[in-house]
Full PDB file with SEQRES, HELIX, SHEET, SSBOND, CRYST1, ORIGX, SCALE, CONECT and MASTER records, all heavy atoms in Angstrom:
SEQRES   1 A   43  ASP VAL PHE ASP HIS LEU MET MET THR THR ASP GLY ALA          
SEQRES   2 A   43  THR PRO SER PHE TYR SER ASP GLY MET MET ASP LYS CYS          
SEQRES   3 A   43  ILE GLN VAL ALA LEU ASP ALA GLY VAL PRO PRO ILE ASP          
SEQRES   4 A   43  ALA TYR GLN MET                                              
HELIX    1 AA1 PHE A    3  HIS A    5  5                                   3    
HELIX    2 AA2 PRO A   15  ASP A   20  5                                   6    
HELIX    3 AA3 MET A   23  ASP A   32  1                                  10    
HELIX    4 AA4 PRO A   37  GLN A   42  1                                   6    
CRYST1    1.000    1.000    1.000  90.00  90.00  90.00 P 1           1          
ORIGX1      1.000000  0.000000  0.000000        0.00000                         
ORIGX2      0.000000  1.000000  0.000000        0.00000                         
ORIGX3      0.000000  0.000000  1.000000        0.00000                         
SCALE1      1.000000  0.000000  0.000000        0.00000                         
SCALE2      0.000000  1.000000  0.000000        0.00000                         
SCALE3      0.000000  0.000000  1.000000        0.00000                         
ATOM      1  N   ASP A   1     -38.552 -15.561 -10.103  1.00  0.00           N  
ATOM      2  CA  ASP A   1     -37.914 -16.836  -9.705  1.00  0.00           C  
ATOM      3  C   ASP A   1     -37.813 -17.721 -10.915  1.00  0.00           C  
ATOM      4  O   ASP A   1     -38.462 -18.727 -11.021  1.00  0.00           O  
ATOM      5  CB  ASP A   1     -38.706 -17.491  -8.562  1.00  0.00           C  
ATOM      6  CG  ASP A   1     -37.896 -18.687  -8.010  1.00  0.00           C  
ATOM      7  OD1 ASP A   1     -36.691 -18.880  -8.349  1.00  0.00           O  
ATOM      8  OD2 ASP A   1     -38.500 -19.561  -7.291  1.00  0.00           O  
ATOM      9  N   VAL A   2     -36.997 -17.384 -11.941  1.00  0.00           N  
ATOM     10  CA  VAL A   2     -36.888 -18.010 -13.194  1.00  0.00           C  
ATOM     11  C   VAL A   2     -35.463 -18.527 -13.426  1.00  0.00           C  
ATOM     12  O   VAL A   2     -35.153 -18.987 -14.625  1.00  0.00           O  
ATOM     13  CB  VAL A   2     -37.336 -17.131 -14.315  1.00  0.00           C  
ATOM     14  CG1 VAL A   2     -38.798 -16.734 -14.144  1.00  0.00           C  
ATOM     15  CG2 VAL A   2     -36.483 -15.840 -14.343  1.00  0.00           C  
ATOM     16  N   PHE A   3     -34.568 -18.569 -12.471  1.00  0.00           N  
ATOM     17  CA  PHE A   3     -33.206 -18.789 -12.703  1.00  0.00           C  
ATOM     18  C   PHE A   3     -33.029 -20.267 -13.169  1.00  0.00           C  
ATOM     19  O   PHE A   3     -32.005 -20.535 -13.901  1.00  0.00           O  
ATOM     20  CB  PHE A   3     -32.347 -18.474 -11.496  1.00  0.00           C  
ATOM     21  CG  PHE A   3     -32.459 -17.071 -11.157  1.00  0.00           C  
ATOM     22  CD1 PHE A   3     -33.127 -16.658  -9.987  1.00  0.00           C  
ATOM     23  CD2 PHE A   3     -31.863 -16.055 -11.934  1.00  0.00           C  
ATOM     24  CE1 PHE A   3     -33.172 -15.316  -9.596  1.00  0.00           C  
ATOM     25  CE2 PHE A   3     -31.981 -14.756 -11.590  1.00  0.00           C  
ATOM     26  CZ  PHE A   3     -32.681 -14.317 -10.431  1.00  0.00           C  
ATOM     27  N   ASP A   4     -33.934 -21.187 -12.831  1.00  0.00           N  
ATOM     28  CA  ASP A   4     -33.795 -22.528 -13.350  1.00  0.00           C  
ATOM     29  C   ASP A   4     -33.869 -22.641 -14.807  1.00  0.00           C  
ATOM     30  O   ASP A   4     -33.617 -23.624 -15.429  1.00  0.00           O  
ATOM     31  CB  ASP A   4     -34.872 -23.414 -12.723  1.00  0.00           C  
ATOM     32  CG  ASP A   4     -34.486 -23.837 -11.274  1.00  0.00           C  
ATOM     33  OD1 ASP A   4     -33.372 -23.661 -10.906  1.00  0.00           O  
ATOM     34  OD2 ASP A   4     -35.432 -24.318 -10.583  1.00  0.00           O  
ATOM     35  N   HIS A   5     -34.400 -21.551 -15.479  1.00  0.00           N  
ATOM     36  CA  HIS A   5     -34.742 -21.613 -16.900  1.00  0.00           C  
ATOM     37  C   HIS A   5     -33.808 -20.651 -17.670  1.00  0.00           C  
ATOM     38  O   HIS A   5     -34.048 -20.296 -18.836  1.00  0.00           O  
ATOM     39  CB  HIS A   5     -36.153 -21.241 -17.201  1.00  0.00           C  
ATOM     40  CG  HIS A   5     -37.090 -22.148 -16.458  1.00  0.00           C  
ATOM     41  ND1 HIS A   5     -37.433 -23.402 -16.852  1.00  0.00           N  
ATOM     42  CD2 HIS A   5     -37.763 -21.947 -15.232  1.00  0.00           C  
ATOM     43  CE1 HIS A   5     -38.334 -23.910 -16.014  1.00  0.00           C  
ATOM     44  NE2 HIS A   5     -38.485 -23.069 -14.973  1.00  0.00           N  
ATOM     45  N   LEU A   6     -32.696 -20.260 -17.062  1.00  0.00           N  
ATOM     46  CA  LEU A   6     -31.797 -19.321 -17.612  1.00  0.00           C  
ATOM     47  C   LEU A   6     -30.345 -19.893 -17.806  1.00  0.00           C  
ATOM     48  O   LEU A   6     -29.962 -20.746 -16.952  1.00  0.00           O  
ATOM     49  CB  LEU A   6     -31.655 -18.015 -16.864  1.00  0.00           C  
ATOM     50  CG  LEU A   6     -32.956 -17.158 -16.795  1.00  0.00           C  
ATOM     51  CD1 LEU A   6     -32.734 -15.972 -15.842  1.00  0.00           C  
ATOM     52  CD2 LEU A   6     -33.463 -16.730 -18.071  1.00  0.00           C  
ATOM     53  N   MET A   7     -29.655 -19.565 -18.807  1.00  0.00           N  
ATOM     54  CA  MET A   7     -28.238 -19.922 -18.986  1.00  0.00           C  
ATOM     55  C   MET A   7     -27.447 -18.648 -19.244  1.00  0.00           C  
ATOM     56  O   MET A   7     -27.999 -17.551 -19.445  1.00  0.00           O  
ATOM     57  CB  MET A   7     -28.193 -20.823 -20.211  1.00  0.00           C  
ATOM     58  CG  MET A   7     -28.857 -22.159 -19.986  1.00  0.00           C  
ATOM     59  SD  MET A   7     -29.113 -23.148 -21.578  1.00  0.00           S  
ATOM     60  CE  MET A   7     -30.551 -22.252 -22.313  1.00  0.00           C  
ATOM     61  N   MET A   8     -26.090 -18.803 -19.269  1.00  0.00           N  
ATOM     62  CA  MET A   8     -25.242 -17.630 -19.482  1.00  0.00           C  
ATOM     63  C   MET A   8     -24.150 -17.947 -20.514  1.00  0.00           C  
ATOM     64  O   MET A   8     -23.741 -19.070 -20.704  1.00  0.00           O  
ATOM     65  CB  MET A   8     -24.570 -17.178 -18.137  1.00  0.00           C  
ATOM     66  CG  MET A   8     -25.529 -16.731 -17.089  1.00  0.00           C  
ATOM     67  SD  MET A   8     -24.756 -16.065 -15.582  1.00  0.00           S  
ATOM     68  CE  MET A   8     -23.969 -17.524 -14.883  1.00  0.00           C  
ATOM     69  N   THR A   9     -23.752 -16.892 -21.224  1.00  0.00           N  
ATOM     70  CA  THR A   9     -22.702 -17.018 -22.250  1.00  0.00           C  
ATOM     71  C   THR A   9     -21.837 -15.770 -22.351  1.00  0.00           C  
ATOM     72  O   THR A   9     -22.358 -14.708 -22.135  1.00  0.00           O  
ATOM     73  CB  THR A   9     -23.295 -17.366 -23.627  1.00  0.00           C  
ATOM     74  OG1 THR A   9     -22.213 -17.609 -24.579  1.00  0.00           O  
ATOM     75  CG2 THR A   9     -24.236 -16.280 -24.153  1.00  0.00           C  
ATOM     76  N   THR A  10     -20.607 -15.971 -22.814  1.00  0.00           N  
ATOM     77  CA  THR A  10     -19.801 -14.820 -23.235  1.00  0.00           C  
ATOM     78  C   THR A  10     -19.846 -14.567 -24.740  1.00  0.00           C  
ATOM     79  O   THR A  10     -19.223 -13.657 -25.241  1.00  0.00           O  
ATOM     80  CB  THR A  10     -18.376 -14.969 -22.805  1.00  0.00           C  
ATOM     81  OG1 THR A  10     -17.786 -16.126 -23.408  1.00  0.00           O  
ATOM     82  CG2 THR A  10     -18.187 -15.033 -21.229  1.00  0.00           C  
ATOM     83  N   ASP A  11     -20.552 -15.429 -25.423  1.00  0.00           N  
ATOM     84  CA  ASP A  11     -20.955 -15.238 -26.895  1.00  0.00           C  
ATOM     85  C   ASP A  11     -19.671 -14.819 -27.699  1.00  0.00           C  
ATOM     86  O   ASP A  11     -19.708 -13.857 -28.516  1.00  0.00           O  
ATOM     87  CB  ASP A  11     -22.052 -14.169 -27.059  1.00  0.00           C  
ATOM     88  CG  ASP A  11     -22.587 -14.139 -28.436  1.00  0.00           C  
ATOM     89  OD1 ASP A  11     -22.353 -15.068 -29.187  1.00  0.00           O  
ATOM     90  OD2 ASP A  11     -23.290 -13.152 -28.766  1.00  0.00           O  
ATOM     91  N   GLY A  12     -18.586 -15.559 -27.629  1.00  0.00           N  
ATOM     92  CA  GLY A  12     -17.472 -15.383 -28.482  1.00  0.00           C  
ATOM     93  C   GLY A  12     -16.892 -13.992 -28.326  1.00  0.00           C  
ATOM     94  O   GLY A  12     -16.649 -13.272 -29.296  1.00  0.00           O  
ATOM     95  N   ALA A  13     -16.516 -13.615 -27.107  1.00  0.00           N  
ATOM     96  CA  ALA A  13     -15.852 -12.380 -26.861  1.00  0.00           C  
ATOM     97  C   ALA A  13     -14.439 -12.302 -27.519  1.00  0.00           C  
ATOM     98  O   ALA A  13     -13.845 -13.317 -27.727  1.00  0.00           O  
ATOM     99  CB  ALA A  13     -15.785 -12.105 -25.383  1.00  0.00           C  
ATOM    100  N   THR A  14     -13.954 -11.091 -27.687  1.00  0.00           N  
ATOM    101  CA  THR A  14     -12.587 -10.867 -28.132  1.00  0.00           C  
ATOM    102  C   THR A  14     -11.566 -11.228 -27.075  1.00  0.00           C  
ATOM    103  O   THR A  14     -11.970 -11.246 -25.855  1.00  0.00           O  
ATOM    104  CB  THR A  14     -12.344  -9.495 -28.686  1.00  0.00           C  
ATOM    105  OG1 THR A  14     -12.858  -8.517 -27.745  1.00  0.00           O  
ATOM    106  CG2 THR A  14     -13.115  -9.337 -30.014  1.00  0.00           C  
ATOM    107  N   PRO A  15     -10.310 -11.484 -27.352  1.00  0.00           N  
ATOM    108  CA  PRO A  15      -9.397 -12.053 -26.342  1.00  0.00           C  
ATOM    109  C   PRO A  15      -9.341 -11.256 -25.110  1.00  0.00           C  
ATOM    110  O   PRO A  15      -9.360 -11.774 -23.943  1.00  0.00           O  
ATOM    111  CB  PRO A  15      -8.086 -12.038 -27.098  1.00  0.00           C  
ATOM    112  CG  PRO A  15      -8.428 -12.338 -28.489  1.00  0.00           C  
ATOM    113  CD  PRO A  15      -9.751 -11.481 -28.734  1.00  0.00           C  
ATOM    114  N   SER A  16      -9.185  -9.884 -25.189  1.00  0.00           N  
ATOM    115  CA  SER A  16      -9.040  -9.071 -23.956  1.00  0.00           C  
ATOM    116  C   SER A  16     -10.130  -9.155 -23.059  1.00  0.00           C  
ATOM    117  O   SER A  16      -9.894  -8.937 -21.844  1.00  0.00           O  
ATOM    118  CB  SER A  16      -8.644  -7.624 -24.328  1.00  0.00           C  
ATOM    119  OG  SER A  16      -9.813  -7.065 -25.083  1.00  0.00           O  
ATOM    120  N   PHE A  17     -11.317  -9.408 -23.492  1.00  0.00           N  
ATOM    121  CA  PHE A  17     -12.457  -9.614 -22.598  1.00  0.00           C  
ATOM    122  C   PHE A  17     -12.300 -10.725 -21.564  1.00  0.00           C  
ATOM    123  O   PHE A  17     -12.878 -10.678 -20.492  1.00  0.00           O  
ATOM    124  CB  PHE A  17     -13.777  -9.751 -23.346  1.00  0.00           C  
ATOM    125  CG  PHE A  17     -15.005  -9.743 -22.599  1.00  0.00           C  
ATOM    126  CD1 PHE A  17     -15.528  -8.558 -22.143  1.00  0.00           C  
ATOM    127  CD2 PHE A  17     -15.673 -10.936 -22.210  1.00  0.00           C  
ATOM    128  CE1 PHE A  17     -16.731  -8.567 -21.386  1.00  0.00           C  
ATOM    129  CE2 PHE A  17     -16.842 -10.934 -21.479  1.00  0.00           C  
ATOM    130  CZ  PHE A  17     -17.363  -9.673 -21.073  1.00  0.00           C  
ATOM    131  N   TYR A  18     -11.517 -11.663 -21.973  1.00  0.00           N  
ATOM    132  CA  TYR A  18     -11.306 -12.840 -21.111  1.00  0.00           C  
ATOM    133  C   TYR A  18     -10.132 -12.663 -20.160  1.00  0.00           C  
ATOM    134  O   TYR A  18      -9.765 -13.620 -19.413  1.00  0.00           O  
ATOM    135  CB  TYR A  18     -11.064 -14.090 -21.957  1.00  0.00           C  
ATOM    136  CG  TYR A  18     -12.264 -14.504 -22.774  1.00  0.00           C  
ATOM    137  CD1 TYR A  18     -12.208 -14.740 -24.160  1.00  0.00           C  
ATOM    138  CD2 TYR A  18     -13.450 -14.682 -22.185  1.00  0.00           C  
ATOM    139  CE1 TYR A  18     -13.249 -15.037 -24.838  1.00  0.00           C  
ATOM    140  CE2 TYR A  18     -14.592 -15.126 -22.875  1.00  0.00           C  
ATOM    141  CZ  TYR A  18     -14.497 -15.379 -24.215  1.00  0.00           C  
ATOM    142  OH  TYR A  18     -15.560 -15.676 -24.990  1.00  0.00           O  
ATOM    143  N   SER A  19      -9.488 -11.485 -20.098  1.00  0.00           N  
ATOM    144  CA  SER A  19      -8.356 -11.330 -19.204  1.00  0.00           C  
ATOM    145  C   SER A  19      -8.768 -11.511 -17.753  1.00  0.00           C  
ATOM    146  O   SER A  19      -7.939 -11.766 -16.895  1.00  0.00           O  
ATOM    147  CB  SER A  19      -7.815  -9.918 -19.414  1.00  0.00           C  
ATOM    148  OG  SER A  19      -8.816  -8.833 -19.070  1.00  0.00           O  
ATOM    149  N   ASP A  20     -10.100 -11.327 -17.408  1.00  0.00           N  
ATOM    150  CA  ASP A  20     -10.525 -11.572 -16.035  1.00  0.00           C  
ATOM    151  C   ASP A  20     -11.588 -12.639 -15.896  1.00  0.00           C  
ATOM    152  O   ASP A  20     -12.297 -12.651 -15.029  1.00  0.00           O  
ATOM    153  CB  ASP A  20     -11.016 -10.304 -15.421  1.00  0.00           C  
ATOM    154  CG  ASP A  20     -12.197  -9.721 -16.143  1.00  0.00           C  
ATOM    155  OD1 ASP A  20     -12.511 -10.146 -17.300  1.00  0.00           O  
ATOM    156  OD2 ASP A  20     -12.957  -8.852 -15.617  1.00  0.00           O  
ATOM    157  N   GLY A  21     -11.511 -13.662 -16.870  1.00  0.00           N  
ATOM    158  CA  GLY A  21     -12.382 -14.803 -16.692  1.00  0.00           C  
ATOM    159  C   GLY A  21     -13.321 -15.081 -17.822  1.00  0.00           C  
ATOM    160  O   GLY A  21     -13.392 -14.327 -18.749  1.00  0.00           O  
ATOM    161  N   MET A  22     -13.939 -16.212 -17.731  1.00  0.00           N  
ATOM    162  CA  MET A  22     -14.956 -16.651 -18.718  1.00  0.00           C  
ATOM    163  C   MET A  22     -16.251 -16.962 -18.038  1.00  0.00           C  
ATOM    164  O   MET A  22     -16.902 -16.041 -17.537  1.00  0.00           O  
ATOM    165  CB  MET A  22     -14.436 -17.883 -19.587  1.00  0.00           C  
ATOM    166  CG  MET A  22     -15.335 -18.265 -20.692  1.00  0.00           C  
ATOM    167  SD  MET A  22     -14.830 -19.587 -21.772  1.00  0.00           S  
ATOM    168  CE  MET A  22     -13.814 -18.727 -22.940  1.00  0.00           C  
ATOM    169  N   MET A  23     -16.588 -18.230 -17.883  1.00  0.00           N  
ATOM    170  CA  MET A  23     -17.867 -18.530 -17.170  1.00  0.00           C  
ATOM    171  C   MET A  23     -17.788 -18.216 -15.657  1.00  0.00           C  
ATOM    172  O   MET A  23     -18.727 -17.898 -14.970  1.00  0.00           O  
ATOM    173  CB  MET A  23     -18.275 -19.964 -17.404  1.00  0.00           C  
ATOM    174  CG  MET A  23     -18.623 -20.272 -18.830  1.00  0.00           C  
ATOM    175  SD  MET A  23     -19.766 -19.162 -19.628  1.00  0.00           S  
ATOM    176  CE  MET A  23     -21.316 -19.537 -18.682  1.00  0.00           C  
ATOM    177  N   ASP A  24     -16.573 -18.294 -15.110  1.00  0.00           N  
ATOM    178  CA  ASP A  24     -16.393 -17.903 -13.748  1.00  0.00           C  
ATOM    179  C   ASP A  24     -16.719 -16.383 -13.622  1.00  0.00           C  
ATOM    180  O   ASP A  24     -17.283 -16.017 -12.495  1.00  0.00           O  
ATOM    181  CB  ASP A  24     -14.921 -18.150 -13.321  1.00  0.00           C  
ATOM    182  CG  ASP A  24     -13.896 -17.452 -14.257  1.00  0.00           C  
ATOM    183  OD1 ASP A  24     -13.956 -17.695 -15.464  1.00  0.00           O  
ATOM    184  OD2 ASP A  24     -13.064 -16.640 -13.782  1.00  0.00           O  
ATOM    185  N   LYS A  25     -16.486 -15.651 -14.603  1.00  0.00           N  
ATOM    186  CA  LYS A  25     -16.772 -14.213 -14.550  1.00  0.00           C  
ATOM    187  C   LYS A  25     -18.309 -14.005 -14.595  1.00  0.00           C  
ATOM    188  O   LYS A  25     -18.803 -13.146 -13.896  1.00  0.00           O  
ATOM    189  CB  LYS A  25     -16.092 -13.418 -15.691  1.00  0.00           C  
ATOM    190  CG  LYS A  25     -16.555 -12.055 -15.831  1.00  0.00           C  
ATOM    191  CD  LYS A  25     -15.513 -11.173 -16.647  1.00  0.00           C  
ATOM    192  CE  LYS A  25     -15.516 -11.445 -18.053  1.00  0.00           C  
ATOM    193  NZ  LYS A  25     -14.567 -10.535 -18.760  1.00  0.00           N  
ATOM    194  N   CYS A  26     -18.984 -14.716 -15.422  1.00  0.00           N  
ATOM    195  CA  CYS A  26     -20.450 -14.713 -15.521  1.00  0.00           C  
ATOM    196  C   CYS A  26     -21.066 -15.075 -14.189  1.00  0.00           C  
ATOM    197  O   CYS A  26     -21.999 -14.419 -13.658  1.00  0.00           O  
ATOM    198  CB  CYS A  26     -20.973 -15.623 -16.585  1.00  0.00           C  
ATOM    199  SG  CYS A  26     -20.548 -15.052 -18.296  1.00  0.00           S  
ATOM    200  N   ILE A  27     -20.508 -16.116 -13.444  1.00  0.00           N  
ATOM    201  CA  ILE A  27     -21.019 -16.530 -12.236  1.00  0.00           C  
ATOM    202  C   ILE A  27     -20.801 -15.402 -11.245  1.00  0.00           C  
ATOM    203  O   ILE A  27     -21.685 -15.079 -10.383  1.00  0.00           O  
ATOM    204  CB  ILE A  27     -20.341 -17.854 -11.779  1.00  0.00           C  
ATOM    205  CG1 ILE A  27     -20.762 -18.948 -12.706  1.00  0.00           C  
ATOM    206  CG2 ILE A  27     -20.769 -18.119 -10.282  1.00  0.00           C  
ATOM    207  CD1 ILE A  27     -19.926 -20.201 -12.433  1.00  0.00           C  
ATOM    208  N   GLN A  28     -19.665 -14.751 -11.255  1.00  0.00           N  
ATOM    209  CA  GLN A  28     -19.420 -13.652 -10.295  1.00  0.00           C  
ATOM    210  C   GLN A  28     -20.338 -12.537 -10.563  1.00  0.00           C  
ATOM    211  O   GLN A  28     -20.897 -11.872  -9.568  1.00  0.00           O  
ATOM    212  CB  GLN A  28     -17.946 -13.197 -10.465  1.00  0.00           C  
ATOM    213  CG  GLN A  28     -17.555 -12.211  -9.402  1.00  0.00           C  
ATOM    214  CD  GLN A  28     -17.570 -12.835  -7.950  1.00  0.00           C  
ATOM    215  OE1 GLN A  28     -16.875 -13.824  -7.692  1.00  0.00           O  
ATOM    216  NE2 GLN A  28     -18.325 -12.303  -7.105  1.00  0.00           N  
ATOM    217  N   VAL A  29     -20.642 -12.220 -11.815  1.00  0.00           N  
ATOM    218  CA  VAL A  29     -21.631 -11.125 -12.148  1.00  0.00           C  
ATOM    219  C   VAL A  29     -22.991 -11.501 -11.528  1.00  0.00           C  
ATOM    220  O   VAL A  29     -23.665 -10.661 -10.972  1.00  0.00           O  
ATOM    221  CB  VAL A  29     -21.720 -10.972 -13.629  1.00  0.00           C  
ATOM    222  CG1 VAL A  29     -22.972 -10.120 -14.041  1.00  0.00           C  
ATOM    223  CG2 VAL A  29     -20.493 -10.264 -14.236  1.00  0.00           C  
ATOM    224  N   ALA A  30     -23.376 -12.780 -11.679  1.00  0.00           N  
ATOM    225  CA  ALA A  30     -24.598 -13.154 -11.098  1.00  0.00           C  
ATOM    226  C   ALA A  30     -24.696 -13.031  -9.570  1.00  0.00           C  
ATOM    227  O   ALA A  30     -25.675 -12.568  -8.972  1.00  0.00           O  
ATOM    228  CB  ALA A  30     -24.928 -14.644 -11.511  1.00  0.00           C  
ATOM    229  N   LEU A  31     -23.622 -13.483  -8.889  1.00  0.00           N  
ATOM    230  CA  LEU A  31     -23.514 -13.341  -7.482  1.00  0.00           C  
ATOM    231  C   LEU A  31     -23.598 -11.869  -7.092  1.00  0.00           C  
ATOM    232  O   LEU A  31     -24.302 -11.514  -6.099  1.00  0.00           O  
ATOM    233  CB  LEU A  31     -22.190 -13.966  -6.921  1.00  0.00           C  
ATOM    234  CG  LEU A  31     -22.013 -15.411  -7.134  1.00  0.00           C  
ATOM    235  CD1 LEU A  31     -20.599 -15.920  -6.789  1.00  0.00           C  
ATOM    236  CD2 LEU A  31     -23.032 -16.194  -6.230  1.00  0.00           C  
ATOM    237  N   ASP A  32     -22.872 -10.939  -7.768  1.00  0.00           N  
ATOM    238  CA  ASP A  32     -22.846  -9.596  -7.431  1.00  0.00           C  
ATOM    239  C   ASP A  32     -24.320  -8.957  -7.680  1.00  0.00           C  
ATOM    240  O   ASP A  32     -24.634  -7.920  -7.032  1.00  0.00           O  
ATOM    241  CB  ASP A  32     -21.873  -8.804  -8.297  1.00  0.00           C  
ATOM    242  CG  ASP A  32     -20.425  -9.273  -7.963  1.00  0.00           C  
ATOM    243  OD1 ASP A  32     -20.222  -9.840  -6.839  1.00  0.00           O  
ATOM    244  OD2 ASP A  32     -19.588  -8.989  -8.766  1.00  0.00           O  
ATOM    245  N   ALA A  33     -25.088  -9.584  -8.560  1.00  0.00           N  
ATOM    246  CA  ALA A  33     -26.415  -8.990  -8.874  1.00  0.00           C  
ATOM    247  C   ALA A  33     -27.433  -9.502  -7.865  1.00  0.00           C  
ATOM    248  O   ALA A  33     -28.653  -9.105  -7.982  1.00  0.00           O  
ATOM    249  CB  ALA A  33     -26.841  -9.449 -10.325  1.00  0.00           C  
ATOM    250  N   GLY A  34     -27.009 -10.359  -7.008  1.00  0.00           N  
ATOM    251  CA  GLY A  34     -27.986 -10.841  -5.913  1.00  0.00           C  
ATOM    252  C   GLY A  34     -28.696 -12.157  -6.292  1.00  0.00           C  
ATOM    253  O   GLY A  34     -29.685 -12.555  -5.635  1.00  0.00           O  
ATOM    254  N   VAL A  35     -28.191 -12.830  -7.308  1.00  0.00           N  
ATOM    255  CA  VAL A  35     -28.685 -14.198  -7.632  1.00  0.00           C  
ATOM    256  C   VAL A  35     -28.251 -15.142  -6.556  1.00  0.00           C  
ATOM    257  O   VAL A  35     -27.072 -15.139  -6.163  1.00  0.00           O  
ATOM    258  CB  VAL A  35     -28.231 -14.638  -9.039  1.00  0.00           C  
ATOM    259  CG1 VAL A  35     -28.604 -16.065  -9.284  1.00  0.00           C  
ATOM    260  CG2 VAL A  35     -28.719 -13.683 -10.084  1.00  0.00           C  
ATOM    261  N   PRO A  36     -29.067 -16.013  -6.045  1.00  0.00           N  
ATOM    262  CA  PRO A  36     -28.646 -17.036  -5.021  1.00  0.00           C  
ATOM    263  C   PRO A  36     -27.556 -17.848  -5.585  1.00  0.00           C  
ATOM    264  O   PRO A  36     -27.524 -18.222  -6.793  1.00  0.00           O  
ATOM    265  CB  PRO A  36     -29.959 -17.887  -4.826  1.00  0.00           C  
ATOM    266  CG  PRO A  36     -31.072 -16.937  -5.179  1.00  0.00           C  
ATOM    267  CD  PRO A  36     -30.578 -16.127  -6.290  1.00  0.00           C  
ATOM    268  N   PRO A  37     -26.525 -18.152  -4.749  1.00  0.00           N  
ATOM    269  CA  PRO A  37     -25.331 -18.770  -5.250  1.00  0.00           C  
ATOM    270  C   PRO A  37     -25.585 -20.051  -6.040  1.00  0.00           C  
ATOM    271  O   PRO A  37     -25.041 -20.293  -7.139  1.00  0.00           O  
ATOM    272  CB  PRO A  37     -24.505 -19.082  -3.978  1.00  0.00           C  
ATOM    273  CG  PRO A  37     -24.944 -17.918  -3.066  1.00  0.00           C  
ATOM    274  CD  PRO A  37     -26.399 -17.753  -3.361  1.00  0.00           C  
ATOM    275  N   ILE A  38     -26.466 -20.950  -5.488  1.00  0.00           N  
ATOM    276  CA  ILE A  38     -26.672 -22.187  -6.262  1.00  0.00           C  
ATOM    277  C   ILE A  38     -27.254 -21.886  -7.667  1.00  0.00           C  
ATOM    278  O   ILE A  38     -26.777 -22.565  -8.632  1.00  0.00           O  
ATOM    279  CB  ILE A  38     -27.603 -23.186  -5.454  1.00  0.00           C  
ATOM    280  CG1 ILE A  38     -26.801 -23.700  -4.169  1.00  0.00           C  
ATOM    281  CG2 ILE A  38     -28.102 -24.292  -6.338  1.00  0.00           C  
ATOM    282  CD1 ILE A  38     -27.586 -24.613  -3.342  1.00  0.00           C  
ATOM    283  N   ASP A  39     -28.149 -20.982  -7.746  1.00  0.00           N  
ATOM    284  CA  ASP A  39     -28.695 -20.677  -9.072  1.00  0.00           C  
ATOM    285  C   ASP A  39     -27.639 -20.142  -9.961  1.00  0.00           C  
ATOM    286  O   ASP A  39     -27.600 -20.337 -11.128  1.00  0.00           O  
ATOM    287  CB  ASP A  39     -29.845 -19.590  -8.879  1.00  0.00           C  
ATOM    288  CG  ASP A  39     -31.127 -20.181  -8.390  1.00  0.00           C  
ATOM    289  OD1 ASP A  39     -31.508 -21.278  -8.829  1.00  0.00           O  
ATOM    290  OD2 ASP A  39     -31.772 -19.620  -7.564  1.00  0.00           O  
ATOM    291  N   ALA A  40     -26.681 -19.375  -9.387  1.00  0.00           N  
ATOM    292  CA  ALA A  40     -25.645 -18.746 -10.237  1.00  0.00           C  
ATOM    293  C   ALA A  40     -24.789 -19.814 -10.797  1.00  0.00           C  
ATOM    294  O   ALA A  40     -24.431 -19.795 -11.989  1.00  0.00           O  
ATOM    295  CB  ALA A  40     -24.763 -17.852  -9.376  1.00  0.00           C  
ATOM    296  N   TYR A  41     -24.440 -20.833 -10.056  1.00  0.00           N  
ATOM    297  CA  TYR A  41     -23.629 -21.914 -10.572  1.00  0.00           C  
ATOM    298  C   TYR A  41     -24.470 -22.812 -11.565  1.00  0.00           C  
ATOM    299  O   TYR A  41     -23.856 -23.269 -12.537  1.00  0.00           O  
ATOM    300  CB  TYR A  41     -23.069 -22.768  -9.385  1.00  0.00           C  
ATOM    301  CG  TYR A  41     -21.970 -22.104  -8.671  1.00  0.00           C  
ATOM    302  CD1 TYR A  41     -22.179 -21.386  -7.551  1.00  0.00           C  
ATOM    303  CD2 TYR A  41     -20.636 -22.156  -9.123  1.00  0.00           C  
ATOM    304  CE1 TYR A  41     -21.112 -20.696  -6.832  1.00  0.00           C  
ATOM    305  CE2 TYR A  41     -19.583 -21.502  -8.569  1.00  0.00           C  
ATOM    306  CZ  TYR A  41     -19.831 -20.801  -7.403  1.00  0.00           C  
ATOM    307  OH  TYR A  41     -18.837 -20.183  -6.784  1.00  0.00           O  
ATOM    308  N   GLN A  42     -25.714 -23.048 -11.287  1.00  0.00           N  
ATOM    309  CA  GLN A  42     -26.527 -23.831 -12.207  1.00  0.00           C  
ATOM    310  C   GLN A  42     -26.702 -23.226 -13.518  1.00  0.00           C  
ATOM    311  O   GLN A  42     -26.705 -23.901 -14.562  1.00  0.00           O  
ATOM    312  CB  GLN A  42     -27.904 -24.029 -11.521  1.00  0.00           C  
ATOM    313  CG  GLN A  42     -27.935 -24.670 -10.133  1.00  0.00           C  
ATOM    314  CD  GLN A  42     -28.176 -26.194 -10.199  1.00  0.00           C  
ATOM    315  OE1 GLN A  42     -27.203 -26.868 -10.177  1.00  0.00           O  
ATOM    316  NE2 GLN A  42     -29.386 -26.634 -10.048  1.00  0.00           N  
ATOM    317  N   MET A  43     -26.772 -21.854 -13.561  1.00  0.00           N  
ATOM    318  CA  MET A  43     -26.889 -21.223 -14.874  1.00  0.00           C  
ATOM    319  C   MET A  43     -25.629 -21.394 -15.743  1.00  0.00           C  
ATOM    320  O   MET A  43     -25.679 -21.198 -17.008  1.00  0.00           O  
ATOM    321  CB  MET A  43     -27.134 -19.687 -14.684  1.00  0.00           C  
ATOM    322  CG  MET A  43     -28.572 -19.406 -14.256  1.00  0.00           C  
ATOM    323  SD  MET A  43     -28.867 -17.682 -14.430  1.00  0.00           S  
ATOM    324  CE  MET A  43     -27.898 -16.923 -13.139  1.00  0.00           C  
TER     325      MET A  43                                                      
MASTER        0    0    0    4    0    0    0    6  324    1    0    4          
END                                                                             
């Protein structure tokens, strides 16, 4: 239970990586991994 202490980044991806999103994509990855929704948005 450490999500309050985590952040997320795309770390300067190349253009095509962003074809399906940026931080919205990271949040979706977190949701799909089972992270509680509020924690996913807070990260």
